């Protein structure tokens, strides 16, 4: 009898885990979710409606161990993973955790570029779906998150900015970004994801 109860509990836990995955509710990744050697590679391209290519290339990020602490390489910088996984205290965050289909929030950020230009992005965000999405790196369950609003800067630039981000919990990152700003289209897509065996 005891073995039947244990089997029932084990099956119930599997079903519960399966339902949690299918329900599409995702918590923010934690430090324990990252491993040294994990790697993401995206290709990107930005083109005007006239066909002028303004940006094109690849962006690689990797998890490295620096003096026993994990960091993510971003260009020439290494950002501590512990900082990346801290709960965002902003009332207008990029991702409003936990992620769930139908959730809506306001995303706002102010920034300063390397040349001293300041700017602001203000958008309404909504999670539209959680389903299989295929990119060059493979097929993943992903949230479709739509951001609609404006981007402005101190040089007088102002544009409507519509973005669609596909965020895949399995890779703890976005797998595709499509951004439209007036006459400019920018697409970034994950072409490789690997983790240590």
N, C-alpha and C. Protein backbone atom coordinates (compact mmCIF):
# COMPACT_ATOMS: atom_id res chain seq x y z
N UNK A 1 0.82 -1.20 0.00
CA UNK A 1 0.00 0.00 0.00
C UNK A 1 0.87 1.27 0.00
N UNK A 2 1.96 1.21 0.82
CA UNK A 2 2.84 2.37 0.91
C UNK A 2 3.47 2.69 -0.44
N UNK A 3 3.85 1.65 -1.21
CA UNK A 3 4.46 1.89 -2.52
C UNK A 3 3.46 2.53 -3.48
N UNK A 4 2.16 2.20 -3.36
CA UNK A 4 1.13 2.81 -4.20
C UNK A 4 0.99 4.30 -3.86
N UNK A 5 1.07 4.62 -2.57
CA UNK A 5 0.96 6.03 -2.16
C UNK A 5 2.16 6.82 -2.68
N UNK A 6 3.37 6.24 -2.55
CA UNK A 6 4.56 6.91 -3.05
C UNK A 6 4.49 7.12 -4.56
N UNK A 7 4.03 6.11 -5.28
CA UNK A 7 3.88 6.22 -6.73
C UNK A 7 2.89 7.33 -7.07
N UNK A 8 1.77 7.39 -6.35
CA UNK A 8 0.76 8.42 -6.58
C UNK A 8 1.34 9.81 -6.33
N UNK A 9 2.10 9.97 -5.22
CA UNK A 9 2.71 11.27 -4.91
C UNK A 9 3.71 11.66 -5.99
N UNK A 10 4.53 10.69 -6.44
CA UNK A 10 5.51 10.97 -7.49
C UNK A 10 4.82 11.41 -8.78
N UNK A 11 3.75 10.70 -9.16
CA UNK A 11 3.00 11.07 -10.37
C UNK A 11 2.35 12.44 -10.22
N UNK A 12 1.80 12.71 -9.05
CA UNK A 12 1.17 14.00 -8.80
C UNK A 12 2.18 15.14 -8.93
N UNK A 13 3.41 14.90 -8.42
CA UNK A 13 4.45 15.93 -8.53
C UNK A 13 4.84 16.16 -9.99
N UNK A 14 4.94 15.08 -10.77
CA UNK A 14 5.27 15.23 -12.19
C UNK A 14 4.20 16.01 -12.92
N UNK A 15 2.95 15.69 -12.63
CA UNK A 15 1.83 16.41 -13.27
C UNK A 15 1.85 17.87 -12.85
N UNK A 16 2.10 18.12 -11.56
CA UNK A 16 2.13 19.50 -11.07
C UNK A 16 3.24 20.28 -11.76
N UNK A 17 4.43 19.65 -11.89
CA UNK A 17 5.54 20.32 -12.58
C UNK A 17 5.19 20.59 -14.03
N UNK A 18 4.57 19.61 -14.67
CA UNK A 18 4.17 19.75 -16.07
C UNK A 18 3.16 20.88 -16.22
N UNK A 19 2.18 20.94 -15.31
CA UNK A 19 1.18 22.00 -15.38
C UNK A 19 1.80 23.37 -15.13
N UNK A 20 2.76 23.42 -14.23
CA UNK A 20 3.42 24.70 -13.96
C UNK A 20 4.12 25.20 -15.22
N UNK A 21 4.74 24.30 -15.97
CA UNK A 21 5.41 24.67 -17.20
C UNK A 21 4.39 25.12 -18.24
N UNK A 22 3.32 24.34 -18.38
CA UNK A 22 2.32 24.67 -19.40
C UNK A 22 1.50 25.90 -19.04
N UNK A 23 1.40 26.22 -17.75
CA UNK A 23 0.57 27.36 -17.34
C UNK A 23 1.19 28.67 -17.80
N UNK A 24 2.51 28.64 -18.06
CA UNK A 24 3.14 29.84 -18.57
C UNK A 24 3.39 30.90 -17.52
N UNK A 25 3.65 30.51 -16.28
CA UNK A 25 4.04 31.46 -15.25
C UNK A 25 5.51 31.24 -14.96
N UNK A 26 6.32 32.27 -15.15
CA UNK A 26 7.77 32.13 -15.01
C UNK A 26 8.31 33.15 -14.03
N UNK A 27 9.09 32.65 -13.07
CA UNK A 27 9.76 33.52 -12.10
C UNK A 27 11.07 34.02 -12.70
N UNK A 28 11.61 35.08 -12.13
CA UNK A 28 12.89 35.62 -12.57
C UNK A 28 13.99 34.59 -12.31
N UNK A 29 14.93 34.41 -13.25
CA UNK A 29 16.04 33.49 -13.01
C UNK A 29 16.83 33.89 -11.76
N UNK A 30 17.44 32.90 -11.12
CA UNK A 30 18.26 33.14 -9.94
C UNK A 30 19.72 32.85 -10.27
N UNK A 31 20.60 33.19 -9.37
CA UNK A 31 22.03 32.96 -9.56
C UNK A 31 22.31 31.48 -9.83
N UNK A 32 21.58 30.59 -9.14
CA UNK A 32 21.80 29.14 -9.29
C UNK A 32 21.42 28.63 -10.68
N UNK A 33 20.66 29.42 -11.46
CA UNK A 33 20.24 28.99 -12.79
C UNK A 33 21.35 29.15 -13.84
N UNK A 34 22.42 29.88 -13.51
CA UNK A 34 23.49 30.14 -14.46
C UNK A 34 24.71 29.26 -14.16
N UNK A 35 25.42 28.89 -15.22
CA UNK A 35 26.62 28.04 -15.09
C UNK A 35 27.75 28.64 -15.93
N UNK A 36 28.97 28.58 -15.41
CA UNK A 36 30.13 29.05 -16.18
C UNK A 36 30.21 28.25 -17.48
N UNK A 37 30.46 28.95 -18.58
CA UNK A 37 30.54 28.31 -19.89
C UNK A 37 29.28 28.47 -20.72
N UNK A 38 28.17 28.90 -20.10
CA UNK A 38 26.94 29.14 -20.86
C UNK A 38 27.19 30.26 -21.86
N UNK A 39 26.62 30.14 -23.07
CA UNK A 39 26.93 31.10 -24.13
C UNK A 39 25.70 31.36 -25.01
N UNK A 40 25.52 32.64 -25.36
CA UNK A 40 24.45 33.07 -26.25
C UNK A 40 25.09 33.85 -27.40
N UNK A 41 24.63 33.64 -28.62
CA UNK A 41 25.09 34.42 -29.77
C UNK A 41 23.85 34.88 -30.55
N UNK A 42 23.74 36.19 -30.75
CA UNK A 42 22.66 36.75 -31.56
C UNK A 42 23.24 37.38 -32.82
N UNK A 43 22.46 37.36 -33.90
CA UNK A 43 22.82 38.17 -35.08
C UNK A 43 21.83 39.33 -35.08
N UNK A 44 22.28 40.49 -35.56
CA UNK A 44 21.40 41.65 -35.59
C UNK A 44 21.58 42.43 -36.89
N UNK A 45 20.52 43.12 -37.25
CA UNK A 45 20.56 43.96 -38.46
C UNK A 45 19.53 45.07 -38.32
N UNK A 46 19.95 46.29 -38.63
CA UNK A 46 19.06 47.44 -38.62
C UNK A 46 19.04 48.09 -39.99
N UNK A 47 17.84 48.23 -40.57
CA UNK A 47 17.71 48.73 -41.94
C UNK A 47 16.62 49.80 -42.01
N UNK A 48 16.88 50.87 -42.77
CA UNK A 48 15.85 51.88 -42.98
C UNK A 48 14.87 51.39 -44.06
N UNK A 49 13.74 52.07 -44.16
CA UNK A 49 12.75 51.69 -45.19
C UNK A 49 13.30 51.92 -46.60
N UNK A 50 14.37 52.73 -46.71
CA UNK A 50 15.02 52.96 -48.01
C UNK A 50 16.07 51.88 -48.30
N UNK A 51 16.26 50.95 -47.38
CA UNK A 51 17.20 49.85 -47.60
C UNK A 51 18.62 50.11 -47.10
N UNK A 52 18.83 51.25 -46.43
CA UNK A 52 20.16 51.56 -45.90
C UNK A 52 20.42 50.74 -44.62
N UNK A 53 21.49 49.94 -44.63
CA UNK A 53 21.84 49.13 -43.46
C UNK A 53 22.63 50.02 -42.50
N UNK A 54 22.07 50.24 -41.31
CA UNK A 54 22.72 51.10 -40.32
C UNK A 54 23.50 50.31 -39.27
N UNK A 55 23.14 49.06 -39.09
CA UNK A 55 23.88 48.22 -38.14
C UNK A 55 23.72 46.76 -38.55
N UNK A 56 24.80 45.99 -38.38
CA UNK A 56 24.74 44.58 -38.72
C UNK A 56 25.91 43.88 -38.05
N UNK A 57 25.65 42.71 -37.49
CA UNK A 57 26.75 41.98 -36.86
C UNK A 57 26.26 40.89 -35.94
N UNK A 58 27.15 40.50 -35.01
CA UNK A 58 26.83 39.47 -34.02
C UNK A 58 27.16 39.99 -32.63
N UNK A 59 26.40 39.53 -31.66
CA UNK A 59 26.60 39.88 -30.26
C UNK A 59 26.72 38.58 -29.49
N UNK A 60 27.85 38.39 -28.80
CA UNK A 60 28.08 37.17 -28.03
C UNK A 60 28.17 37.50 -26.55
N UNK A 61 27.49 36.71 -25.74
CA UNK A 61 27.58 36.84 -24.29
C UNK A 61 27.88 35.47 -23.70
N UNK A 62 28.70 35.47 -22.65
CA UNK A 62 29.12 34.21 -22.06
C UNK A 62 29.19 34.35 -20.54
N UNK A 63 28.89 33.27 -19.84
CA UNK A 63 29.03 33.26 -18.39
C UNK A 63 30.45 32.77 -18.07
N UNK A 64 31.16 33.59 -17.30
CA UNK A 64 32.53 33.26 -16.90
C UNK A 64 32.64 33.29 -15.38
N UNK A 65 33.66 32.64 -14.87
CA UNK A 65 33.93 32.67 -13.44
C UNK A 65 35.10 33.61 -13.19
N UNK A 66 34.87 34.65 -12.38
CA UNK A 66 35.90 35.62 -12.06
C UNK A 66 36.11 35.59 -10.54
N UNK A 67 37.26 35.06 -10.14
CA UNK A 67 37.58 34.93 -8.72
C UNK A 67 36.46 34.23 -7.95
N UNK A 68 35.92 33.18 -8.57
CA UNK A 68 34.90 32.37 -7.93
C UNK A 68 33.48 32.88 -8.06
N UNK A 69 33.28 34.06 -8.66
CA UNK A 69 31.94 34.63 -8.84
C UNK A 69 31.59 34.61 -10.32
N UNK A 70 30.33 34.34 -10.63
CA UNK A 70 29.89 34.30 -12.03
C UNK A 70 29.65 35.70 -12.57
N UNK A 71 30.06 35.89 -13.83
CA UNK A 71 29.82 37.15 -14.51
C UNK A 71 29.40 36.87 -15.94
N UNK A 72 28.70 37.82 -16.55
CA UNK A 72 28.33 37.70 -17.97
C UNK A 72 29.13 38.71 -18.76
N UNK A 73 29.85 38.22 -19.78
CA UNK A 73 30.60 39.13 -20.64
C UNK A 73 29.63 39.82 -21.59
N UNK A 74 29.72 41.14 -21.64
CA UNK A 74 28.90 41.96 -22.55
C UNK A 74 29.87 42.94 -23.19
N UNK A 75 30.25 42.67 -24.44
CA UNK A 75 31.29 43.49 -25.08
C UNK A 75 32.58 43.33 -24.32
N UNK A 76 33.18 44.46 -23.92
CA UNK A 76 34.43 44.43 -23.15
C UNK A 76 34.19 44.39 -21.65
N UNK A 77 32.93 44.43 -21.24
CA UNK A 77 32.59 44.45 -19.81
C UNK A 77 32.18 43.07 -19.32
N UNK A 78 32.30 42.87 -18.02
CA UNK A 78 31.79 41.66 -17.38
C UNK A 78 30.89 42.11 -16.23
N UNK A 79 29.60 41.77 -16.34
CA UNK A 79 28.61 42.16 -15.34
C UNK A 79 28.38 41.00 -14.38
N UNK A 80 28.50 41.23 -13.06
CA UNK A 80 28.25 40.14 -12.12
C UNK A 80 26.82 39.60 -12.28
N UNK A 81 26.70 38.27 -12.40
CA UNK A 81 25.38 37.66 -12.53
C UNK A 81 24.54 37.97 -11.29
N UNK A 82 25.17 38.07 -10.11
CA UNK A 82 24.45 38.40 -8.88
C UNK A 82 23.71 39.73 -9.01
N UNK A 83 24.30 40.69 -9.76
CA UNK A 83 23.62 41.98 -9.98
C UNK A 83 22.48 41.82 -10.97
N UNK A 84 22.67 40.95 -11.99
CA UNK A 84 21.63 40.76 -13.02
C UNK A 84 20.36 40.14 -12.45
N UNK A 85 20.51 39.29 -11.44
CA UNK A 85 19.34 38.57 -10.93
C UNK A 85 18.69 39.23 -9.72
N UNK A 86 19.22 40.40 -9.32
CA UNK A 86 18.57 41.14 -8.22
C UNK A 86 17.19 41.58 -8.69
N UNK A 87 16.18 41.46 -7.81
CA UNK A 87 14.85 41.95 -8.20
C UNK A 87 14.93 43.43 -8.58
N UNK A 88 14.33 43.77 -9.71
CA UNK A 88 14.34 45.16 -10.17
C UNK A 88 13.40 45.97 -9.29
N UNK A 89 13.90 47.08 -8.78
CA UNK A 89 13.10 47.89 -7.86
C UNK A 89 12.28 48.95 -8.57
N UNK A 90 12.46 49.06 -9.88
CA UNK A 90 11.71 50.05 -10.66
C UNK A 90 10.23 49.70 -10.69
N UNK A 91 9.38 50.75 -10.66
CA UNK A 91 7.94 50.52 -10.82
C UNK A 91 7.58 50.44 -12.30
N UNK A 92 8.58 50.69 -13.17
CA UNK A 92 8.36 50.59 -14.62
C UNK A 92 9.45 49.70 -15.23
N UNK A 93 9.48 48.40 -14.89
CA UNK A 93 10.59 47.52 -15.29
C UNK A 93 10.49 47.03 -16.72
N UNK A 94 11.64 46.52 -17.23
CA UNK A 94 11.66 45.88 -18.55
C UNK A 94 10.79 44.62 -18.52
N UNK A 95 11.04 43.75 -17.52
CA UNK A 95 10.23 42.54 -17.32
C UNK A 95 9.56 42.63 -15.96
N UNK A 96 8.25 42.48 -15.92
CA UNK A 96 7.50 42.52 -14.67
C UNK A 96 7.28 41.08 -14.20
N UNK A 97 8.21 40.59 -13.35
CA UNK A 97 8.15 39.20 -12.88
C UNK A 97 7.05 39.02 -11.84
N UNK A 98 6.44 37.83 -11.76
CA UNK A 98 6.59 36.71 -12.69
C UNK A 98 5.90 37.01 -14.02
N UNK A 99 6.41 36.38 -15.09
CA UNK A 99 5.81 36.56 -16.42
C UNK A 99 4.61 35.65 -16.55
N UNK A 100 3.54 36.20 -17.15
CA UNK A 100 2.30 35.44 -17.32
C UNK A 100 1.50 36.07 -18.45
N UNK A 101 0.93 35.24 -19.31
CA UNK A 101 0.14 35.75 -20.44
C UNK A 101 -0.99 36.65 -19.93
N UNK A 102 -1.15 37.79 -20.59
CA UNK A 102 -2.19 38.75 -20.23
C UNK A 102 -1.71 39.87 -19.33
N UNK A 103 -0.54 39.73 -18.76
CA UNK A 103 -0.01 40.74 -17.84
C UNK A 103 0.33 42.02 -18.61
N UNK A 104 0.03 43.18 -18.00
CA UNK A 104 0.31 44.48 -18.62
C UNK A 104 1.03 45.36 -17.60
N UNK A 105 1.95 46.21 -18.09
CA UNK A 105 2.62 47.16 -17.22
C UNK A 105 3.22 48.27 -18.06
N UNK A 106 3.76 49.28 -17.40
CA UNK A 106 4.41 50.41 -18.06
C UNK A 106 5.92 50.22 -17.94
N UNK A 107 6.64 50.35 -19.07
CA UNK A 107 8.10 50.26 -19.07
C UNK A 107 8.66 51.62 -19.40
N UNK A 108 9.52 52.14 -18.52
CA UNK A 108 10.19 53.42 -18.76
C UNK A 108 11.64 53.32 -18.34
N UNK A 109 12.50 53.92 -19.13
CA UNK A 109 13.92 53.96 -18.79
C UNK A 109 14.52 55.25 -19.35
N UNK A 110 15.43 55.84 -18.57
CA UNK A 110 16.20 57.00 -19.03
C UNK A 110 17.64 56.54 -19.20
N UNK A 111 18.35 57.12 -20.15
CA UNK A 111 19.71 56.68 -20.44
C UNK A 111 20.57 57.84 -20.92
N UNK A 112 21.87 57.62 -20.89
CA UNK A 112 22.85 58.56 -21.44
C UNK A 112 23.79 57.77 -22.33
N UNK A 113 23.94 58.20 -23.57
CA UNK A 113 24.83 57.48 -24.50
C UNK A 113 26.27 57.93 -24.30
N UNK A 114 27.20 57.26 -24.97
CA UNK A 114 28.62 57.56 -24.81
C UNK A 114 28.98 58.99 -25.21
N UNK A 115 28.20 59.57 -26.14
CA UNK A 115 28.51 60.95 -26.56
C UNK A 115 27.82 62.00 -25.68
N UNK A 116 27.14 61.55 -24.61
CA UNK A 116 26.50 62.48 -23.68
C UNK A 116 25.03 62.76 -23.98
N UNK A 117 24.52 62.23 -25.07
CA UNK A 117 23.10 62.41 -25.39
C UNK A 117 22.25 61.68 -24.35
N UNK A 118 21.23 62.36 -23.84
CA UNK A 118 20.32 61.71 -22.90
C UNK A 118 19.03 61.35 -23.63
N UNK A 119 18.35 60.35 -23.13
CA UNK A 119 17.11 59.94 -23.78
C UNK A 119 16.18 59.22 -22.83
N UNK A 120 14.99 58.97 -23.34
CA UNK A 120 13.98 58.29 -22.53
C UNK A 120 13.15 57.38 -23.43
N UNK A 121 12.82 56.24 -22.90
CA UNK A 121 11.95 55.29 -23.58
C UNK A 121 10.75 55.08 -22.67
N UNK A 122 9.55 55.22 -23.19
CA UNK A 122 8.32 55.04 -22.42
C UNK A 122 7.34 54.22 -23.25
N UNK A 123 7.02 53.01 -22.75
CA UNK A 123 6.18 52.10 -23.53
C UNK A 123 5.20 51.34 -22.64
N UNK A 124 4.06 50.99 -23.23
CA UNK A 124 3.11 50.09 -22.58
C UNK A 124 3.48 48.67 -23.00
N UNK A 125 3.61 47.79 -22.00
CA UNK A 125 4.01 46.40 -22.26
C UNK A 125 2.85 45.45 -21.99
N UNK A 126 2.79 44.39 -22.80
CA UNK A 126 1.77 43.36 -22.60
C UNK A 126 2.31 42.01 -23.08
N UNK A 127 2.06 40.96 -22.27
CA UNK A 127 2.45 39.61 -22.66
C UNK A 127 1.29 39.00 -23.44
N UNK A 128 1.52 38.75 -24.72
CA UNK A 128 0.46 38.31 -25.62
C UNK A 128 0.28 36.80 -25.66
N UNK A 129 1.38 36.04 -25.53
CA UNK A 129 1.27 34.58 -25.65
C UNK A 129 2.46 33.88 -25.02
N UNK A 130 2.32 32.57 -24.84
CA UNK A 130 3.42 31.70 -24.41
C UNK A 130 3.28 30.43 -25.23
N UNK A 131 4.15 30.29 -26.25
CA UNK A 131 4.03 29.15 -27.15
C UNK A 131 5.38 28.86 -27.80
N UNK A 132 5.44 27.75 -28.54
CA UNK A 132 6.68 27.40 -29.23
C UNK A 132 7.01 28.45 -30.29
N UNK A 133 8.27 28.86 -30.28
CA UNK A 133 8.77 29.81 -31.28
C UNK A 133 10.08 29.25 -31.82
N UNK A 134 10.28 29.38 -33.12
CA UNK A 134 11.50 28.85 -33.74
C UNK A 134 12.37 29.98 -34.25
N UNK A 135 13.64 29.93 -33.84
CA UNK A 135 14.65 30.87 -34.34
C UNK A 135 15.82 30.02 -34.83
N UNK A 136 16.86 30.66 -35.32
CA UNK A 136 17.98 29.91 -35.88
C UNK A 136 18.62 28.97 -34.85
N UNK A 137 18.59 29.37 -33.56
CA UNK A 137 19.20 28.54 -32.51
C UNK A 137 18.36 27.32 -32.13
N UNK A 138 17.09 27.28 -32.58
CA UNK A 138 16.24 26.14 -32.25
C UNK A 138 14.82 26.56 -31.94
N UNK A 139 14.05 25.64 -31.38
CA UNK A 139 12.65 25.90 -31.03
C UNK A 139 12.53 25.91 -29.51
N UNK A 140 11.89 26.96 -28.99
CA UNK A 140 11.77 27.16 -27.55
C UNK A 140 10.35 27.62 -27.21
N UNK A 141 9.90 27.27 -26.02
CA UNK A 141 8.68 27.88 -25.48
C UNK A 141 9.07 29.32 -25.12
N UNK A 142 8.28 30.28 -25.60
CA UNK A 142 8.66 31.68 -25.39
C UNK A 142 7.44 32.56 -25.20
N UNK A 143 7.62 33.59 -24.40
CA UNK A 143 6.61 34.63 -24.24
C UNK A 143 6.76 35.63 -25.36
N UNK A 144 5.65 36.08 -25.93
CA UNK A 144 5.66 37.20 -26.87
C UNK A 144 5.26 38.42 -26.06
N UNK A 145 6.20 39.35 -25.90
CA UNK A 145 5.95 40.57 -25.12
C UNK A 145 6.01 41.76 -26.06
N UNK A 146 4.91 42.51 -26.10
CA UNK A 146 4.83 43.67 -27.00
C UNK A 146 5.01 44.95 -26.19
N UNK A 147 5.86 45.83 -26.69
CA UNK A 147 6.09 47.15 -26.08
C UNK A 147 5.72 48.20 -27.12
N UNK A 148 4.83 49.15 -26.74
CA UNK A 148 4.43 50.21 -27.68
C UNK A 148 4.53 51.54 -26.97
N UNK A 149 5.20 52.49 -27.62
CA UNK A 149 5.34 53.82 -27.02
C UNK A 149 6.26 54.71 -27.81
N UNK A 150 7.08 55.51 -27.08
CA UNK A 150 7.94 56.51 -27.73
C UNK A 150 9.37 56.44 -27.21
N UNK A 151 10.29 56.83 -28.08
CA UNK A 151 11.69 57.05 -27.71
C UNK A 151 12.01 58.50 -28.05
N UNK A 152 12.59 59.22 -27.10
CA UNK A 152 12.98 60.62 -27.33
C UNK A 152 14.41 60.81 -26.83
N UNK A 153 15.08 61.85 -27.36
CA UNK A 153 16.41 62.18 -26.82
C UNK A 153 16.63 63.68 -26.80
N UNK A 154 17.75 64.07 -26.19
CA UNK A 154 18.06 65.49 -25.97
C UNK A 154 18.46 66.22 -27.25
N UNK A 155 18.62 65.49 -28.36
CA UNK A 155 18.94 66.13 -29.63
C UNK A 155 17.69 66.37 -30.47
N UNK A 156 16.52 66.21 -29.86
CA UNK A 156 15.27 66.49 -30.56
C UNK A 156 14.66 65.30 -31.27
N UNK A 157 15.27 64.14 -31.13
CA UNK A 157 14.74 62.94 -31.77
C UNK A 157 13.51 62.46 -31.01
N UNK A 158 12.48 62.10 -31.75
CA UNK A 158 11.27 61.54 -31.15
C UNK A 158 10.66 60.57 -32.16
N UNK A 159 10.42 59.35 -31.72
CA UNK A 159 9.87 58.35 -32.64
C UNK A 159 8.96 57.39 -31.90
N UNK A 160 7.93 56.93 -32.64
CA UNK A 160 7.12 55.84 -32.12
C UNK A 160 7.99 54.60 -32.14
N UNK A 161 7.94 53.84 -31.06
CA UNK A 161 8.76 52.64 -30.97
C UNK A 161 7.88 51.45 -30.62
N UNK A 162 7.75 50.54 -31.55
CA UNK A 162 7.01 49.31 -31.32
C UNK A 162 8.01 48.16 -31.32
N UNK A 163 7.98 47.37 -30.26
CA UNK A 163 8.92 46.26 -30.14
C UNK A 163 8.17 44.98 -29.79
N UNK A 164 8.66 43.87 -30.30
CA UNK A 164 8.17 42.55 -29.90
C UNK A 164 9.39 41.74 -29.47
N UNK A 165 9.39 41.32 -28.21
CA UNK A 165 10.47 40.51 -27.65
C UNK A 165 9.93 39.10 -27.44
N UNK A 166 10.68 38.10 -27.86
CA UNK A 166 10.36 36.70 -27.55
C UNK A 166 11.33 36.27 -26.46
N UNK A 167 10.80 36.05 -25.25
CA UNK A 167 11.63 35.67 -24.11
C UNK A 167 11.43 34.18 -23.82
N UNK A 168 12.53 33.42 -23.82
CA UNK A 168 12.47 31.97 -23.60
C UNK A 168 13.04 31.62 -22.23
N UNK A 169 12.21 31.15 -21.30
CA UNK A 169 12.71 30.78 -19.97
C UNK A 169 13.84 29.75 -20.01
N UNK A 170 13.82 28.83 -20.97
CA UNK A 170 14.84 27.77 -21.02
C UNK A 170 16.25 28.33 -21.24
N UNK A 171 16.36 29.49 -21.89
CA UNK A 171 17.67 30.09 -22.11
C UNK A 171 17.88 31.34 -21.27
N UNK A 172 16.86 31.69 -20.45
CA UNK A 172 16.93 32.83 -19.53
C UNK A 172 17.24 34.13 -20.27
N UNK A 173 16.71 34.26 -21.47
CA UNK A 173 17.03 35.42 -22.28
C UNK A 173 16.03 35.54 -23.43
N UNK A 174 16.15 36.64 -24.17
CA UNK A 174 15.29 36.78 -25.35
C UNK A 174 15.90 35.99 -26.50
N UNK A 175 15.04 35.45 -27.36
CA UNK A 175 15.52 34.72 -28.52
C UNK A 175 15.30 35.52 -29.81
N UNK A 176 14.44 36.54 -29.73
CA UNK A 176 14.24 37.40 -30.90
C UNK A 176 13.68 38.74 -30.45
N UNK A 177 14.16 39.79 -31.11
CA UNK A 177 13.65 41.15 -30.90
C UNK A 177 13.38 41.75 -32.26
N UNK A 178 12.18 42.29 -32.43
CA UNK A 178 11.84 43.03 -33.64
C UNK A 178 11.40 44.42 -33.20
N UNK A 179 12.13 45.44 -33.65
CA UNK A 179 11.83 46.82 -33.24
C UNK A 179 11.60 47.69 -34.47
N UNK A 180 10.51 48.45 -34.44
CA UNK A 180 10.22 49.41 -35.50
C UNK A 180 10.20 50.81 -34.90
N UNK A 181 11.02 51.71 -35.46
CA UNK A 181 11.03 53.12 -35.06
C UNK A 181 10.84 53.94 -36.32
N UNK A 182 9.64 54.44 -36.51
CA UNK A 182 9.33 55.22 -37.72
C UNK A 182 9.83 54.51 -38.97
N UNK A 183 10.95 54.99 -39.58
CA UNK A 183 11.41 54.41 -40.85
C UNK A 183 12.56 53.42 -40.65
N UNK A 184 12.70 52.86 -39.47
CA UNK A 184 13.83 51.99 -39.16
C UNK A 184 13.35 50.67 -38.57
N UNK A 185 13.88 49.56 -39.10
CA UNK A 185 13.54 48.22 -38.60
C UNK A 185 14.80 47.54 -38.10
N UNK A 186 14.75 47.07 -36.85
CA UNK A 186 15.88 46.38 -36.23
C UNK A 186 15.43 45.00 -35.80
N UNK A 187 16.19 43.97 -36.19
CA UNK A 187 15.86 42.59 -35.81
C UNK A 187 17.11 41.94 -35.22
N UNK A 188 16.93 41.30 -34.07
CA UNK A 188 18.02 40.56 -33.42
C UNK A 188 17.49 39.17 -33.11
N UNK A 189 18.25 38.14 -33.48
CA UNK A 189 17.78 36.76 -33.34
C UNK A 189 18.89 35.87 -32.79
N UNK A 190 18.51 35.01 -31.84
CA UNK A 190 19.47 34.07 -31.26
C UNK A 190 19.84 33.01 -32.29
N UNK A 191 21.15 32.88 -32.54
CA UNK A 191 21.60 31.89 -33.53
C UNK A 191 22.34 30.73 -32.86
N UNK A 192 22.72 30.91 -31.59
CA UNK A 192 23.41 29.83 -30.89
C UNK A 192 23.19 29.97 -29.39
N UNK A 193 22.89 28.86 -28.73
CA UNK A 193 22.84 28.82 -27.27
C UNK A 193 23.49 27.51 -26.85
N UNK A 194 24.44 27.59 -25.95
CA UNK A 194 25.09 26.37 -25.47
C UNK A 194 25.38 26.50 -23.99
N UNK A 195 25.41 25.37 -23.31
CA UNK A 195 25.76 25.35 -21.90
C UNK A 195 26.68 24.18 -21.63
N UNK A 196 27.49 24.29 -20.57
CA UNK A 196 28.44 23.21 -20.31
C UNK A 196 27.75 21.91 -20.00
N UNK A 197 28.35 20.80 -20.38
CA UNK A 197 27.75 19.50 -20.16
C UNK A 197 28.03 19.01 -18.76
